Amino acid sequence: MFTFRQLEAIYWIDREGSFAAAAARLHTSQAAISKRIRELENCIGEELFDRSQRQARFTEKGIQLLQAAQTLLRDREVILESLANPAAMIRRIRIGITELVSMTWLPALLAGVRARYPHITIEPDVDSASRLLSKLQSDLLDLVIAPDAFAHEGLAVKKLRPAEFAWMCKPGTVPAGRVLSASELSRHTLLTQSDHSALGVIVGRWLEKNLVTKTNPPVLTNSLLPLIGLTAAGMGISYMPKACLTPMIKAQKLQLIRTSEPLPAVQYVVIYKPGRKSILVSDITLLAQETCDFSRMFTS
């Protein structure tokens, strides 16, 4: 008797080109993929791959089974999608997002989800990255979109586009064009988010890496909007998203600060539990990869 797990293994070996790549795609080990193939071969009584070459290739029987697997998996997907979309069905998807996502490309993502799944209820939950991951582990969320700053052992992670961040201040706080060292930067009041925030963790690691001792106590906030307002008001300097704040920079409401030790771009990811993966979660992940765009604020 075949199982869908075995058929998924042979399907993704074909799609990804190797046992190792199929294992990565299915969030399991190469040994587990090999075990599924051996089980199939024992069931059929013939080898599915010609292992005499450096790269395993399908035997004739393997090609036959692959074609059957493609048909069965496609039929299963059609059935599951039909179950996810009946007009009378009450279905919800709970998406955890951090604040920058909600202020930039969330409308585009939700529009894409709504176009494909017009009858589902979408519940965005805006919170700090650490709290969102805690909710995901407790099954209060179906997936999380956040910066990649915390450990996520046992979770599936898919990369999105990174967001470029930069140090900023009120114009005139720092001489324009001057490049500051990390120690010079620390002499100013730093406006940052708490360690519940991925951005706060990223900034904290950078300060620690550069052996920065804070001269002034930092001002902590749990939200990006007050961070922007406090920076524009001259209360200190902060590390904020560059592209979407370009209008404020051009309007001389904010000034970019260059540092001799730059921080890396902030990598955003989609995170979900492999065991709770569904076609809906997979589709939203793909839509997130397509719509991710940090260039503008509050646009549809």
Protein backbone atom coordinates (compact mmCIF):
# COMPACT_ATOMS: atom_id res chain seq x y z
CA MET A 1 0.00 0.00 0.00
CA PHE A 2 1.38 3.40 -1.01
CA THR A 3 1.22 6.44 1.24
CA PHE A 4 1.07 10.08 0.18
CA ARG A 5 4.32 10.69 2.06
CA GLN A 6 6.05 8.15 -0.17
CA LEU A 7 4.50 9.60 -3.31
CA GLU A 8 5.51 13.11 -2.23
CA ALA A 9 9.09 11.88 -1.89
CA ILE A 10 9.31 10.60 -5.47
CA TYR A 11 7.46 13.66 -6.77
CA TRP A 12 9.86 16.12 -5.13
CA ILE A 13 12.96 14.13 -6.06
CA ASP A 14 11.87 14.65 -9.66
CA ARG A 15 11.04 18.34 -9.13
CA GLU A 16 14.14 19.24 -7.11
CA GLY A 17 16.62 16.92 -8.81
CA SER A 18 18.05 15.05 -5.82
CA PHE A 19 17.22 13.23 -2.59
CA ALA A 20 18.83 16.01 -0.54
CA ALA A 21 16.86 18.78 -2.24
CA ALA A 22 13.62 16.83 -1.89
CA ALA A 23 14.35 16.38 1.81
CA ALA A 24 14.85 20.13 2.20
CA ARG A 25 11.62 20.84 0.34
CA LEU A 26 9.68 18.43 2.58
CA HIS A 27 11.46 19.65 5.75
CA THR A 28 12.84 16.23 6.61
CA SER A 29 16.15 14.37 6.39
CA GLN A 30 17.74 12.75 3.38
CA ALA A 31 17.69 9.46 5.29
CA ALA A 32 13.91 9.77 5.71
CA ILE A 33 13.48 10.34 1.97
CA SER A 34 15.68 7.30 1.21
CA LYS A 35 13.58 5.22 3.61
CA ARG A 36 10.36 6.20 1.83
CA ILE A 37 11.85 5.23 -1.54
CA ARG A 38 13.05 1.86 -0.18
CA GLU A 39 9.54 1.22 1.15
CA LEU A 40 8.11 1.93 -2.32
CA GLU A 41 10.66 -0.36 -3.95
CA ASN A 42 9.90 -3.15 -1.48
CA CYS A 43 6.19 -2.75 -2.18
CA ILE A 44 6.65 -2.83 -5.98
CA GLY A 45 9.46 -5.38 -6.00
CA GLU A 46 11.61 -3.37 -8.38
CA GLU A 47 14.09 -0.51 -8.12
CA LEU A 48 12.78 2.96 -8.92
CA PHE A 49 16.22 4.49 -9.49
CA ASP A 50 19.29 3.38 -11.42
CA ARG A 51 21.99 3.88 -8.82
CA SER A 52 24.88 2.75 -11.04
CA GLN A 53 25.51 6.37 -12.08
CA ARG A 54 26.74 9.22 -9.88
CA GLN A 55 23.30 10.80 -10.04
CA ALA A 56 20.34 8.52 -9.39
CA ARG A 57 18.04 8.33 -12.40
CA PHE A 58 14.54 6.92 -12.67
CA THR A 59 14.16 3.41 -14.01
CA GLU A 60 11.28 2.67 -16.36
CA LYS A 61 9.22 1.49 -13.39
CA GLY A 62 10.22 4.64 -11.52
CA ILE A 63 8.92 6.81 -14.36
CA GLN A 64 5.63 4.92 -14.33
CA LEU A 65 5.23 5.43 -10.59
CA LEU A 66 6.24 9.11 -10.89
CA GLN A 67 3.48 9.70 -13.43
CA ALA A 68 0.98 7.99 -11.15
CA ALA A 69 2.23 10.05 -8.18
CA GLN A 70 1.82 13.28 -10.14
CA THR A 71 -1.78 12.38 -10.97
CA LEU A 72 -2.68 11.31 -7.44
CA LEU A 73 -1.08 14.34 -5.78
CA ARG A 74 -2.73 16.70 -8.26
CA ASP A 75 -6.12 15.07 -7.63
CA ARG A 76 -5.59 15.35 -3.88
CA GLU A 77 -4.76 19.05 -4.23
CA VAL A 78 -7.90 19.68 -6.28
CA ILE A 79 -10.02 17.93 -3.65
CA LEU A 80 -8.43 19.84 -0.78
CA GLU A 81 -8.80 23.16 -2.57
CA SER A 82 -12.45 22.42 -3.27
CA LEU A 83 -12.97 21.70 0.42
CA ALA A 84 -11.26 24.97 1.36
CA ASN A 85 -13.53 27.13 -0.75
CA PRO A 86 -17.20 26.16 -0.55
CA ALA A 87 -19.46 29.20 -0.17
CA ALA A 88 -21.11 27.93 3.01
CA MET A 89 -17.87 26.93 4.71
CA ILE A 90 -16.57 28.98 7.62
CA ARG A 91 -12.77 29.07 7.33
CA ARG A 92 -10.21 31.40 8.79
CA ILE A 93 -6.50 31.92 8.39
CA ARG A 94 -4.54 33.56 11.19
CA ILE A 95 -1.48 35.46 9.97
CA GLY A 96 1.01 36.96 12.42
CA ILE A 97 2.87 39.99 11.07
CA THR A 98 5.24 42.60 12.41
CA GLU A 99 4.50 46.29 12.13
CA LEU A 100 6.55 47.16 9.06
CA VAL A 101 4.72 44.51 7.02
CA SER A 102 1.36 45.93 8.14
CA MET A 103 2.48 49.43 7.10
CA THR A 104 3.75 48.46 3.64
CA TRP A 105 2.70 45.39 1.63
CA LEU A 106 0.04 43.74 3.81
CA PRO A 107 -2.85 45.12 1.65
CA ALA A 108 -1.31 43.57 -1.47
CA LEU A 109 -0.92 40.23 0.30
CA LEU A 110 -4.49 40.20 1.59
CA ALA A 111 -5.84 41.19 -1.83
CA GLY A 112 -4.01 38.24 -3.37
CA VAL A 113 -5.35 35.84 -0.74
CA ARG A 114 -8.88 37.20 -1.14
CA ALA A 115 -8.73 36.84 -4.93
CA ARG A 116 -7.89 33.14 -4.67
CA TYR A 117 -9.89 32.32 -1.55
CA PRO A 118 -12.87 34.72 -1.56
CA HIS A 119 -14.77 32.99 1.23
CA ILE A 120 -12.18 32.73 3.97
CA THR A 121 -11.85 35.02 6.96
CA ILE A 122 -8.37 36.54 7.25
CA GLU A 123 -7.21 37.51 10.74
CA PRO A 124 -3.95 39.53 10.76
CA ASP A 125 -2.29 39.76 14.17
CA VAL A 126 0.25 42.61 14.45
CA ASP A 127 2.75 42.04 17.25
CA SER A 128 6.45 41.74 18.03
CA ALA A 129 8.32 38.86 16.40
CA SER A 130 8.99 36.99 19.66
CA ARG A 131 5.33 37.11 20.71
CA LEU A 132 4.18 36.02 17.27
CA LEU A 133 6.49 32.99 17.37
CA SER A 134 5.13 32.10 20.81
CA LYS A 135 1.58 32.25 19.41
CA LEU A 136 2.62 30.09 16.46
CA GLN A 137 4.05 27.44 18.80
CA SER A 138 0.79 27.51 20.76
CA ASP A 139 -1.24 27.03 17.54
CA LEU A 140 -2.84 30.45 17.88
CA LEU A 141 -1.48 31.40 14.44
CA ASP A 142 -1.20 29.51 11.16
CA LEU A 143 1.91 31.33 9.96
CA VAL A 144 4.13 34.28 10.87
CA ILE A 145 5.81 36.92 8.68
CA ALA A 146 8.67 38.59 10.55
CA PRO A 147 12.39 39.44 10.46
CA ASP A 148 14.65 36.42 10.83
CA ALA A 149 16.16 37.22 14.22
CA PHE A 150 15.01 34.46 16.59
CA ALA A 151 15.62 30.72 16.75
CA HIS A 152 12.93 28.66 15.02
CA GLU A 153 13.95 25.06 15.61
CA GLY A 154 11.40 22.59 14.28
CA LEU A 155 9.65 25.23 12.18
CA ALA A 156 9.59 25.65 8.41
CA VAL A 157 11.14 28.92 7.19
CA LYS A 158 10.79 30.48 3.72
CA LYS A 159 12.76 33.59 2.79
CA LEU A 160 11.18 36.80 1.54
CA ARG A 161 12.95 39.90 0.27
CA PRO A 162 15.20 41.65 2.79
CA ALA A 163 14.39 45.17 3.92
CA GLU A 164 17.12 47.80 3.85
CA PHE A 165 17.43 49.72 7.11
CA ALA A 166 19.55 52.77 7.96
CA TRP A 167 20.42 54.93 10.94
CA MET A 168 18.41 58.15 10.93
CA CYS A 169 18.05 61.34 12.93
CA LYS A 170 16.43 64.76 12.80
CA PRO A 171 18.33 66.91 10.24
CA GLY A 172 21.20 68.71 11.93
CA THR A 173 21.56 66.26 14.82
CA VAL A 174 24.66 64.84 13.11
CA PRO A 175 26.75 66.77 10.52
CA ALA A 176 25.49 65.81 7.08
CA GLY A 177 27.78 63.44 5.21
CA ARG A 178 29.89 62.53 8.22
CA VAL A 179 30.62 58.84 8.72
CA LEU A 180 30.24 57.84 12.37
CA SER A 181 31.91 54.98 14.15
CA ALA A 182 29.83 52.74 16.42
CA SER A 183 31.31 54.42 19.50
CA GLU A 184 30.46 57.91 18.17
CA LEU A 185 26.94 56.73 17.43
CA SER A 186 26.53 55.49 21.00
CA ARG A 187 27.16 58.98 22.40
CA HIS A 188 23.74 59.94 21.14
CA THR A 189 20.48 58.74 22.66
CA LEU A 190 19.48 55.58 20.83
CA LEU A 191 15.81 55.09 20.06
CA THR A 192 15.11 51.41 19.59
CA GLN A 193 12.61 48.66 20.12
CA SER A 194 12.69 46.21 23.01
CA ASP A 195 14.23 42.74 22.89
CA HIS A 196 10.76 41.34 22.10
CA SER A 197 11.24 42.97 18.71
CA ALA A 198 13.39 41.37 16.03
CA LEU A 199 14.75 44.80 15.13
CA GLY A 200 15.68 45.44 18.75
CA VAL A 201 17.56 42.13 18.82
CA ILE A 202 19.38 42.91 15.55
CA VAL A 203 20.47 46.35 16.79
CA GLY A 204 21.50 44.89 20.14
CA ARG A 205 23.68 42.26 18.48
CA TRP A 206 25.34 44.93 16.34
CA LEU A 207 26.10 47.07 19.38
CA GLU A 208 27.52 44.05 21.21
CA LYS A 209 29.60 42.99 18.20
CA ASN A 210 31.13 46.46 17.99
CA LEU A 211 31.77 46.60 21.75
CA VAL A 212 29.59 49.66 22.14
CA THR A 213 29.02 50.93 25.67
CA LYS A 214 25.91 53.10 25.71
CA THR A 215 26.71 56.54 27.15
CA ASN A 216 23.05 57.57 27.38
CA PRO A 217 20.25 55.22 28.39
CA PRO A 218 18.25 54.21 25.30
CA VAL A 219 14.60 55.05 24.74
CA LEU A 220 12.66 51.84 24.13
CA THR A 221 9.34 51.53 22.33
CA ASN A 222 7.32 48.56 21.11
CA SER A 223 6.10 50.26 17.92
CA LEU A 224 7.64 51.61 14.73
CA LEU A 225 5.32 54.62 14.40
CA PRO A 226 6.39 56.33 17.64
CA LEU A 227 9.98 55.47 16.73
CA ILE A 228 9.60 57.49 13.54
CA GLY A 229 7.92 60.35 15.38
CA LEU A 230 10.51 60.50 18.16
CA THR A 231 13.35 60.47 15.64
CA ALA A 232 11.80 63.24 13.54
CA ALA A 233 11.28 65.26 16.74
CA GLY A 234 14.99 65.11 17.55
CA MET A 235 14.74 62.84 20.59
CA GLY A 236 17.62 60.64 19.39
CA ILE A 237 18.75 58.44 16.52
CA SER A 238 17.23 55.16 15.38
CA TYR A 239 17.63 52.34 12.90
CA MET A 240 14.65 52.39 10.55
CA PRO A 241 13.44 51.14 7.14
CA LYS A 242 15.01 53.24 4.41
CA ALA A 243 12.90 52.82 1.27
CA CYS A 244 9.46 53.58 2.72
CA LEU A 245 10.80 56.60 4.63
CA THR A 246 12.43 58.14 1.55
CA PRO A 247 9.64 60.77 1.23
CA MET A 248 10.42 61.99 4.76
CA ILE A 249 14.14 62.04 3.97
CA LYS A 250 13.53 64.05 0.79
CA ALA A 251 11.27 66.41 2.73
CA GLN A 252 14.10 66.90 5.25
CA LYS A 253 12.05 65.47 8.09
CA LEU A 254 14.69 62.78 8.57
CA GLN A 255 18.42 62.57 7.83
CA LEU A 256 20.39 59.45 6.97
CA ILE A 257 23.46 58.65 9.07
CA ARG A 258 26.32 56.67 7.58
CA THR A 259 28.37 54.45 9.88
CA SER A 260 31.77 52.84 9.40
CA GLU A 261 30.31 49.53 10.62
CA PRO A 262 27.02 49.13 8.72
CA LEU A 263 24.29 46.78 9.83
CA PRO A 264 23.15 44.08 7.43
CA ALA A 265 19.84 44.22 5.61
CA VAL A 266 16.97 42.80 7.66
CA GLN A 267 15.92 39.43 6.21
CA TYR A 268 12.16 38.75 6.40
CA VAL A 269 10.77 35.22 6.41
CA VAL A 270 7.53 33.25 6.50
CA ILE A 271 7.47 30.75 9.37
CA TYR A 272 4.98 27.94 9.97
CA LYS A 273 4.74 24.50 11.56
CA PRO A 274 5.56 21.76 9.03
CA GLY A 275 3.02 19.44 10.60
CA ARG A 276 0.23 21.99 10.13
CA LYS A 277 1.15 22.88 6.56
CA SER A 278 -1.82 23.11 4.19
CA ILE A 279 -2.38 24.17 0.61
CA LEU A 280 -3.71 27.46 1.95
CA VAL A 281 -0.54 28.09 3.97
CA SER A 282 1.59 27.13 0.96
CA ASP A 283 -0.34 29.50 -1.30
CA ILE A 284 -0.06 32.38 1.17
CA THR A 285 3.68 31.76 1.45
CA LEU A 286 4.04 31.99 -2.33
CA LEU A 287 1.87 35.13 -2.41
CA ALA A 288 4.03 36.66 0.32
CA GLN A 289 7.14 35.99 -1.77
CA GLU A 290 5.45 37.65 -4.76
CA THR A 291 4.02 40.71 -2.98
CA CYS A 292 6.78 41.45 -0.44
CA ASP A 293 7.72 45.10 -1.06
CA PHE A 294 8.98 47.50 1.62
CA SER A 295 9.30 50.49 -0.70
CA ARG A 296 6.11 52.37 0.17
CA MET A 297 3.93 52.95 3.22
CA PHE A 298 0.15 52.75 3.44
CA THR A 299 -0.50 51.85 -0.20
CA SER A 300 -2.70 49.17 -1.70
